C-alpha atoms as a PDB file:
ATOM      1  CA  UNK A   1     -12.036  18.717  -9.679  1.00  0.00           C
ATOM      2  CA  UNK A   2     -13.919  15.896  -8.322  1.00  0.00           C
ATOM      3  CA  UNK A   3     -17.410  16.237  -6.989  1.00  0.00           C
ATOM      4  CA  UNK A   4     -18.329  14.562  -3.571  1.00  0.00           C
ATOM      5  CA  UNK A   5     -21.653  12.825  -2.698  1.00  0.00           C
ATOM      6  CA  UNK A   6     -23.088  16.240  -1.817  1.00  0.00           C
ATOM      7  CA  UNK A   7     -22.219  17.701  -5.510  1.00  0.00           C
ATOM      8  CA  UNK A   8     -19.486  19.814  -3.971  1.00  0.00           C
ATOM      9  CA  UNK A   9     -16.256  19.968  -5.892  1.00  0.00           C
ATOM     10  CA  UNK A  10     -13.053  18.705  -4.143  1.00  0.00           C
ATOM     11  CA  UNK A  11      -9.574  20.025  -5.061  1.00  0.00           C
ATOM     12  CA  UNK A  12      -7.310  16.932  -6.264  1.00  0.00           C
ATOM     13  CA  UNK A  13      -3.537  17.078  -5.595  1.00  0.00           C
ATOM     14  CA  UNK A  14      -1.363  17.296  -8.509  1.00  0.00           C
ATOM     15  CA  UNK A  15       0.873  14.252  -7.473  1.00  0.00           C
ATOM     16  CA  UNK A  16       0.409  11.143  -5.414  1.00  0.00           C
ATOM     17  CA  UNK A  17       3.628   8.992  -4.855  1.00  0.00           C
ATOM     18  CA  UNK A  18       3.457   5.880  -2.785  1.00  0.00           C
ATOM     19  CA  UNK A  19       7.000   4.663  -1.463  1.00  0.00           C
ATOM     20  CA  UNK A  20       6.941   1.018  -0.512  1.00  0.00           C
ATOM     21  CA  UNK A  21       8.861  -2.082  -0.828  1.00  0.00           C
ATOM     22  CA  UNK A  22       8.521  -4.214  -3.966  1.00  0.00           C
ATOM     23  CA  UNK A  23       5.887  -6.769  -2.461  1.00  0.00           C
ATOM     24  CA  UNK A  24       2.476  -6.628  -2.034  1.00  0.00           C
ATOM     25  CA  UNK A  25       2.057  -6.124   1.799  1.00  0.00           C
ATOM     26  CA  UNK A  26       0.521  -3.149   3.155  1.00  0.00           C
ATOM     27  CA  UNK A  27       1.057  -1.318  -0.219  1.00  0.00           C
ATOM     28  CA  UNK A  28      -1.016  -3.474  -2.425  1.00  0.00           C
ATOM     29  CA  UNK A  29      -4.685  -1.996  -0.831  1.00  0.00           C
ATOM     30  CA  UNK A  30      -3.206   1.541  -1.638  1.00  0.00           C
ATOM     31  CA  UNK A  31      -2.174   0.512  -5.136  1.00  0.00           C
ATOM     32  CA  UNK A  32      -5.517  -1.273  -5.832  1.00  0.00           C
ATOM     33  CA  UNK A  33      -7.618   1.484  -4.418  1.00  0.00           C
ATOM     34  CA  UNK A  34      -5.940   4.106  -6.278  1.00  0.00           C
ATOM     35  CA  UNK A  35      -6.447   2.078  -9.719  1.00  0.00           C
ATOM     36  CA  UNK A  36     -10.285   1.628  -8.638  1.00  0.00           C
ATOM     37  CA  UNK A  37     -10.643   5.127  -7.913  1.00  0.00           C
ATOM     38  CA  UNK A  38      -8.997   6.598 -11.124  1.00  0.00           C
ATOM     39  CA  UNK A  39      -6.250   8.191  -9.056  1.00  0.00           C
ATOM     40  CA  UNK A  40      -3.063   8.749 -10.725  1.00  0.00           C
ATOM     41  CA  UNK A  41      -0.492   7.204  -8.363  1.00  0.00           C
ATOM     42  CA  UNK A  42       3.227   6.958  -8.690  1.00  0.00           C
ATOM     43  CA  UNK A  43       4.015   3.653  -7.221  1.00  0.00           C
ATOM     44  CA  UNK A  44       7.564   4.004  -6.132  1.00  0.00           C
ATOM     45  CA  UNK A  45       9.315   0.786  -4.957  1.00  0.00           C
ATOM     46  CA  UNK A  46      12.578   0.862  -3.156  1.00  0.00           C
ATOM     47  CA  UNK A  47      15.383  -0.861  -4.976  1.00  0.00           C
ATOM     48  CA  UNK A  48      16.825  -2.089  -1.659  1.00  0.00           C
ATOM     49  CA  UNK A  49      16.562  -2.360   1.945  1.00  0.00           C
ATOM     50  CA  UNK A  50      19.373   0.259   2.063  1.00  0.00           C
ATOM     51  CA  UNK A  51      17.350   2.801   0.146  1.00  0.00           C
ATOM     52  CA  UNK A  52      14.745   2.290   2.729  1.00  0.00           C
ATOM     53  CA  UNK A  53      17.027   2.581   5.759  1.00  0.00           C
ATOM     54  CA  UNK A  54      18.541   5.812   4.390  1.00  0.00           C
ATOM     55  CA  UNK A  55      15.207   7.630   4.414  1.00  0.00           C
ATOM     56  CA  UNK A  56      14.283   6.085   7.800  1.00  0.00           C
ATOM     57  CA  UNK A  57      17.643   7.458   8.968  1.00  0.00           C
ATOM     58  CA  UNK A  58      17.400  11.145   7.649  1.00  0.00           C
ATOM     59  CA  UNK A  59      13.920  11.431   9.013  1.00  0.00           C
ATOM     60  CA  UNK A  60      12.127  11.625   5.316  1.00  0.00           C
ATOM     61  CA  UNK A  61       9.527   8.825   7.005  1.00  0.00           C
ATOM     62  CA  UNK A  62       7.186   9.662   9.526  1.00  0.00           C
ATOM     63  CA  UNK A  63       7.383   7.349  12.428  1.00  0.00           C
ATOM     64  CA  UNK A  64      10.011   5.672  10.474  1.00  0.00           C
ATOM     65  CA  UNK A  65       7.628   3.215   8.564  1.00  0.00           C
ATOM     66  CA  UNK A  66       6.148   2.538   4.974  1.00  0.00           C
ATOM     67  CA  UNK A  67       3.787   2.929   3.603  1.00  0.00           C
ATOM     68  CA  UNK A  68       4.403   6.572   2.865  1.00  0.00           C
ATOM     69  CA  UNK A  69       2.386   8.704   0.567  1.00  0.00           C
ATOM     70  CA  UNK A  70       3.728  11.966  -0.453  1.00  0.00           C
ATOM     71  CA  UNK A  71       1.229  14.375  -1.898  1.00  0.00           C
ATOM     72  CA  UNK A  72       2.179  17.244  -4.089  1.00  0.00           C
ATOM     73  CA  UNK A  73       5.801  16.409  -3.257  1.00  0.00           C
ATOM     74  CA  UNK A  74       5.778  18.333   0.165  1.00  0.00           C
ATOM     75  CA  UNK A  75       3.022  16.689   2.371  1.00  0.00           C
ATOM     76  CA  UNK A  76       3.806  13.143   3.852  1.00  0.00           C
ATOM     77  CA  UNK A  77       1.143  10.562   5.013  1.00  0.00           C
ATOM     78  CA  UNK A  78       2.107   7.592   6.922  1.00  0.00           C
ATOM     79  CA  UNK A  79      -0.258   4.817   8.291  1.00  0.00           C
ATOM     80  CA  UNK A  80      -2.229   2.507   5.738  1.00  0.00           C
ATOM     81  CA  UNK A  81      -5.629   3.427   6.967  1.00  0.00           C
ATOM     82  CA  UNK A  82      -5.367   7.042   7.046  1.00  0.00           C
ATOM     83  CA  UNK A  83      -3.829   7.082   3.570  1.00  0.00           C
ATOM     84  CA  UNK A  84      -6.558   5.266   2.187  1.00  0.00           C
ATOM     85  CA  UNK A  85      -9.277   7.453   3.998  1.00  0.00           C
ATOM     86  CA  UNK A  86      -7.526  10.267   2.450  1.00  0.00           C
ATOM     87  CA  UNK A  87      -7.574   8.815  -0.889  1.00  0.00           C
ATOM     88  CA  UNK A  88     -11.096   7.965  -0.448  1.00  0.00           C
ATOM     89  CA  UNK A  89     -12.071  11.530   0.405  1.00  0.00           C
ATOM     90  CA  UNK A  90     -10.483  13.091  -2.594  1.00  0.00           C
ATOM     91  CA  UNK A  91     -11.955  10.464  -5.050  1.00  0.00           C
ATOM     92  CA  UNK A  92     -15.346  11.554  -4.030  1.00  0.00           C
ATOM     93  CA  UNK A  93     -18.820   9.642  -4.904  1.00  0.00           C
ATOM     94  CA  UNK A  94     -19.797   7.270  -2.317  1.00  0.00           C
ATOM     95  CA  UNK A  95     -16.333   5.462  -1.950  1.00  0.00           C
ATOM     96  CA  UNK A  96     -15.950   6.894   1.482  1.00  0.00           C
ATOM     97  CA  UNK A  97     -19.356   7.336   2.749  1.00  0.00           C
ATOM     98  CA  UNK A  98     -20.792  10.885   3.557  1.00  0.00           C
ATOM     99  CA  UNK A  99     -23.169   9.226   6.002  1.00  0.00           C
ATOM    100  CA  UNK A 100     -21.297   9.445   9.235  1.00  0.00           C
ATOM    101  CA  UNK A 101     -22.917   6.036  10.611  1.00  0.00           C
ATOM    102  CA  UNK A 102     -22.013   4.201   7.360  1.00  0.00           C
ATOM    103  CA  UNK A 103     -18.309   5.639   7.589  1.00  0.00           C
ATOM    104  CA  UNK A 104     -17.954   4.855  10.991  1.00  0.00           C
ATOM    105  CA  UNK A 105     -18.517   1.068   9.949  1.00  0.00           C
ATOM    106  CA  UNK A 106     -15.859   1.249   7.273  1.00  0.00           C
ATOM    107  CA  UNK A 107     -13.394   2.958  10.081  1.00  0.00           C
ATOM    108  CA  UNK A 108     -14.212   0.090  12.380  1.00  0.00           C
ATOM    109  CA  UNK A 109     -13.642  -2.484   9.644  1.00  0.00           C
ATOM    110  CA  UNK A 110     -10.282  -0.775   8.929  1.00  0.00           C
ATOM    111  CA  UNK A 111      -9.474  -0.686  12.710  1.00  0.00           C
ATOM    112  CA  UNK A 112     -10.507  -4.566  12.934  1.00  0.00           C
ATOM    113  CA  UNK A 113      -8.185  -5.603  10.364  1.00  0.00           C
ATOM    114  CA  UNK A 114      -5.451  -3.958  12.517  1.00  0.00           C
ATOM    115  CA  UNK A 115      -6.403  -6.047  15.604  1.00  0.00           C
ATOM    116  CA  UNK A 116      -6.786  -9.339  13.566  1.00  0.00           C
ATOM    117  CA  UNK A 117      -3.286  -9.261  12.434  1.00  0.00           C
ATOM    118  CA  UNK A 118      -1.587  -7.759  15.464  1.00  0.00           C
ATOM    119  CA  UNK A 119      -0.637 -11.398  16.681  1.00  0.00           C
ATOM    120  CA  UNK A 120       0.470 -12.599  13.269  1.00  0.00           C
ATOM    121  CA  UNK A 121       2.715  -9.466  12.660  1.00  0.00           C
ATOM    122  CA  UNK A 122       4.331  -9.591  16.075  1.00  0.00           C
ATOM    123  CA  UNK A 123       5.034 -13.515  15.820  1.00  0.00           C
ATOM    124  CA  UNK A 124       6.705 -12.602  12.406  1.00  0.00           C
ATOM    125  CA  UNK A 125       8.717  -9.643  13.250  1.00  0.00           C
ATOM    126  CA  UNK A 126       9.434 -10.284  16.886  1.00  0.00           C
ATOM    127  CA  UNK A 127      12.506  -8.249  17.870  1.00  0.00           C
ATOM    128  CA  UNK A 128      10.851  -5.307  15.882  1.00  0.00           C
ATOM    129  CA  UNK A 129       8.286  -5.228  18.898  1.00  0.00           C
ATOM    130  CA  UNK A 130      10.794  -5.884  21.622  1.00  0.00           C
ATOM    131  CA  UNK A 131       9.937  -9.388  22.239  1.00  0.00           C
ATOM    132  CA  UNK A 132      12.305 -12.382  21.604  1.00  0.00           C
ATOM    133  CA  UNK A 133      11.221 -15.666  20.908  1.00  0.00           C
ATOM    134  CA  UNK A 134      13.424 -18.854  20.230  1.00  0.00           C
ATOM    135  CA  UNK A 135      12.088 -21.547  17.703  1.00  0.00           C
ATOM    136  CA  UNK A 136       9.883 -23.378  20.092  1.00  0.00           C
ATOM    137  CA  UNK A 137       8.153 -20.290  21.386  1.00  0.00           C
ATOM    138  CA  UNK A 138       7.449 -19.356  17.837  1.00  0.00           C
ATOM    139  CA  UNK A 139       6.001 -22.627  16.892  1.00  0.00           C
ATOM    140  CA  UNK A 140       3.627 -22.321  19.809  1.00  0.00           C
ATOM    141  CA  UNK A 141       2.579 -18.894  18.919  1.00  0.00           C
ATOM    142  CA  UNK A 142       1.755 -20.262  15.226  1.00  0.00           C
ATOM    143  CA  UNK A 143      -0.257 -22.942  16.650  1.00  0.00           C
ATOM    144  CA  UNK A 144      -2.356 -20.953  18.430  1.00  0.00           C
ATOM    145  CA  UNK A 145      -2.665 -18.149  15.879  1.00  0.00           C
ATOM    146  CA  UNK A 146      -3.649 -21.215  13.361  1.00  0.00           C
ATOM    147  CA  UNK A 147      -6.082 -23.160  15.754  1.00  0.00           C
ATOM    148  CA  UNK A 148      -7.657 -20.375  17.847  1.00  0.00           C
ATOM    149  CA  UNK A 149      -7.048 -16.692  17.289  1.00  0.00           C
ATOM    150  CA  UNK A 150      -7.362 -16.293  13.524  1.00  0.00           C
ATOM    151  CA  UNK A 151     -10.224 -18.837  13.007  1.00  0.00           C
ATOM    152  CA  UNK A 152     -12.182 -16.524  16.012  1.00  0.00           C
ATOM    153  CA  UNK A 153     -11.493 -13.634  13.991  1.00  0.00           C
ATOM    154  CA  UNK A 154     -12.350 -15.389  10.597  1.00  0.00           C
ATOM    155  CA  UNK A 155     -15.809 -16.350  12.062  1.00  0.00           C
ATOM    156  CA  UNK A 156     -16.539 -12.678  13.075  1.00  0.00           C
ATOM    157  CA  UNK A 157     -15.676 -11.594   9.590  1.00  0.00           C
ATOM    158  CA  UNK A 158     -17.730 -14.467   7.746  1.00  0.00           C
ATOM    159  CA  UNK A 159     -20.803 -13.272   9.918  1.00  0.00           C
ATOM    160  CA  UNK A 160     -20.292  -9.880   9.032  1.00  0.00           C
ATOM    161  CA  UNK A 161     -20.101 -10.787   5.191  1.00  0.00           C
ATOM    162  CA  UNK A 162     -23.085 -12.975   5.321  1.00  0.00           C
ATOM    163  CA  UNK A 163     -25.345 -10.064   7.018  1.00  0.00           C
ATOM    164  CA  UNK A 164     -24.169  -7.536   4.399  1.00  0.00           C
ATOM    165  CA  UNK A 165     -26.876  -6.901   1.847  1.00  0.00           C
ATOM    166  CA  UNK A 166     -24.085  -5.811  -0.803  1.00  0.00           C
ATOM    167  CA  UNK A 167     -21.317  -8.218  -0.039  1.00  0.00           C
ATOM    168  CA  UNK A 168     -19.104  -5.857   1.101  1.00  0.00           C
ATOM    169  CA  UNK A 169     -17.770  -5.799   4.619  1.00  0.00           C
ATOM    170  CA  UNK A 170     -19.137  -2.584   5.968  1.00  0.00           C
ATOM    171  CA  UNK A 171     -22.493  -2.919   3.782  1.00  0.00           C
ATOM    172  CA  UNK A 172     -21.387  -0.176   1.463  1.00  0.00           C
ATOM    173  CA  UNK A 173     -23.100  -0.107  -1.753  1.00  0.00           C
ATOM    174  CA  UNK A 174     -19.499  -0.153  -3.495  1.00  0.00           C
ATOM    175  CA  UNK A 175     -16.256  -1.469  -1.888  1.00  0.00           C
ATOM    176  CA  UNK A 176     -14.969   0.858   0.554  1.00  0.00           C
ATOM    177  CA  UNK A 177     -11.415   1.456   1.847  1.00  0.00           C
ATOM    178  CA  UNK A 178     -11.717  -1.422   4.240  1.00  0.00           C
ATOM    179  CA  UNK A 179     -12.661  -3.927   1.240  1.00  0.00           C
ATOM    180  CA  UNK A 180      -9.358  -3.352  -0.234  1.00  0.00           C
ATOM    181  CA  UNK A 181      -7.656  -4.064   3.194  1.00  0.00           C
ATOM    182  CA  UNK A 182      -9.601  -7.095   4.006  1.00  0.00           C
ATOM    183  CA  UNK A 183      -9.766  -8.751   0.401  1.00  0.00           C
ATOM    184  CA  UNK A 184      -5.842  -8.274   0.124  1.00  0.00           C
ATOM    185  CA  UNK A 185      -5.242  -9.810   3.571  1.00  0.00           C
ATOM    186  CA  UNK A 186      -7.408 -12.626   2.829  1.00  0.00           C
ATOM    187  CA  UNK A 187      -6.537 -13.200  -0.687  1.00  0.00           C
ATOM    188  CA  UNK A 188      -2.701 -12.636  -0.760  1.00  0.00           C
ATOM    189  CA  UNK A 189      -1.409 -12.262   2.807  1.00  0.00           C
ATOM    190  CA  UNK A 190      -3.201 -15.332   4.733  1.00  0.00           C
ATOM    191  CA  UNK A 191      -2.487 -17.803   1.667  1.00  0.00           C
ATOM    192  CA  UNK A 192       1.192 -17.162   1.971  1.00  0.00           C
ATOM    193  CA  UNK A 193       1.785 -17.480   5.532  1.00  0.00           C
ATOM    194  CA  UNK A 194       2.697 -21.140   5.481  1.00  0.00           C
ATOM    195  CA  UNK A 195       4.619 -20.860   8.552  1.00  0.00           C
ATOM    196  CA  UNK A 196       1.909 -19.174  10.520  1.00  0.00           C
ATOM    197  CA  UNK A 197      -1.101 -21.046   9.424  1.00  0.00           C
ATOM    198  CA  UNK A 198      -2.234 -24.504   8.306  1.00  0.00           C
ATOM    199  CA  UNK A 199      -3.109 -24.944   4.698  1.00  0.00           C
ATOM    200  CA  UNK A 200      -6.756 -25.618   5.641  1.00  0.00           C
ATOM    201  CA  UNK A 201      -6.906 -22.029   7.400  1.00  0.00           C
ATOM    202  CA  UNK A 202      -5.005 -20.435   4.400  1.00  0.00           C
ATOM    203  CA  UNK A 203      -7.477 -21.744   1.940  1.00  0.00           C
ATOM    204  CA  UNK A 204     -10.601 -20.513   3.920  1.00  0.00           C
ATOM    205  CA  UNK A 205     -11.912 -23.907   3.351  1.00  0.00           C
ATOM    206  CA  UNK A 206     -14.256 -23.375   6.480  1.00  0.00           C
ATOM    207  CA  UNK A 207     -15.254 -19.883   5.243  1.00  0.00           C
ATOM    208  CA  UNK A 208     -17.263 -19.865   2.268  1.00  0.00           C
ATOM    209  CA  UNK A 209     -18.445 -16.110   2.574  1.00  0.00           C
ATOM    210  CA  UNK A 210     -14.703 -15.185   3.025  1.00  0.00           C
ATOM    211  CA  UNK A 211     -13.891 -17.108   0.042  1.00  0.00           C
ATOM    212  CA  UNK A 212     -16.758 -15.504  -1.981  1.00  0.00           C
ATOM    213  CA  UNK A 213     -15.809 -11.875  -0.786  1.00  0.00           C
ATOM    214  CA  UNK A 214     -12.051 -12.576  -2.303  1.00  0.00           C
ATOM    215  CA  UNK A 215     -13.506 -13.797  -5.365  1.00  0.00           C
ATOM    216  CA  UNK A 216     -15.838 -10.677  -5.580  1.00  0.00           C
ATOM    217  CA  UNK A 217     -12.897  -8.383  -4.815  1.00  0.00           C
ATOM    218  CA  UNK A 218     -10.331  -9.852  -7.436  1.00  0.00           C
ATOM    219  CA  UNK A 219     -12.893  -9.974 -10.325  1.00  0.00           C
ATOM    220  CA  UNK A 220     -13.691  -6.212 -10.023  1.00  0.00           C
ATOM    221  CA  UNK A 221     -12.872  -4.478 -13.730  1.00  0.00           C
ATOM    222  CA  UNK A 222     -10.436  -2.187 -12.326  1.00  0.00           C
ATOM    223  CA  UNK A 223      -8.879  -4.856 -10.108  1.00  0.00           C
ATOM    224  CA  UNK A 224      -8.611  -6.939 -13.002  1.00  0.00           C
ATOM    225  CA  UNK A 225      -7.265  -4.343 -15.347  1.00  0.00           C
ATOM    226  CA  UNK A 226      -4.469  -3.619 -12.594  1.00  0.00           C
ATOM    227  CA  UNK A 227      -2.964  -6.971 -12.817  1.00  0.00           C
ATOM    228  CA  UNK A 228      -3.412  -7.675 -16.523  1.00  0.00           C
ATOM    229  CA  UNK A 229      -1.068  -4.670 -16.919  1.00  0.00           C
ATOM    230  CA  UNK A 230       1.218  -4.977 -13.771  1.00  0.00           C
ATOM    231  CA  UNK A 231       3.009  -7.749 -11.733  1.00  0.00           C
ATOM    232  CA  UNK A 232       4.480  -7.558  -8.308  1.00  0.00           C
ATOM    233  CA  UNK A 233       7.344  -9.890  -7.669  1.00  0.00           C
END
């Protein structure tokens, strides 16, 4: 049993299994959060795309997508933010705030991440969203994302981090689920998207608070320990 902030015991599931590809992507925040919160997570990575496609075809995957979190071998949870909220709640403590207002700020930061990276996701996986773009259109989209859209959002995040008394994106005392999503986006996803963003943007050169935030996150002892023992291809 794990006690929450009010001292009440919360039952923990006996088994947690994450289904995802052998990449960082949307799965990494879940892996890192589980390591931080001391949750025993089985990190199952598909051996091939065909394995994923088979699970999608037979209805195993809610909404036909991953990440998928299997709880106690029978409950299936989809959507990254929902999975992280669930894990935070069973972890107990103040990882997911008991204060409704602060919890809403964490939720807002989680939802904002989806908004911010909607454009880059669509530009990267066009036909998945029913959109067809030729190479010239993709180049124009990338230029707009890199010069206007992403800098505008990063300025917002920069301001939020500067206003935070704790350095965490929602002002929580400890990193919340939102921090795991945002830190991975800024520290892993953004730097690797050279087809979408300029090198200057990917380096966060004009966003020192974001740089400091990423550094702070990846220096968490639990995160350091996770990467010292595991490596994602």
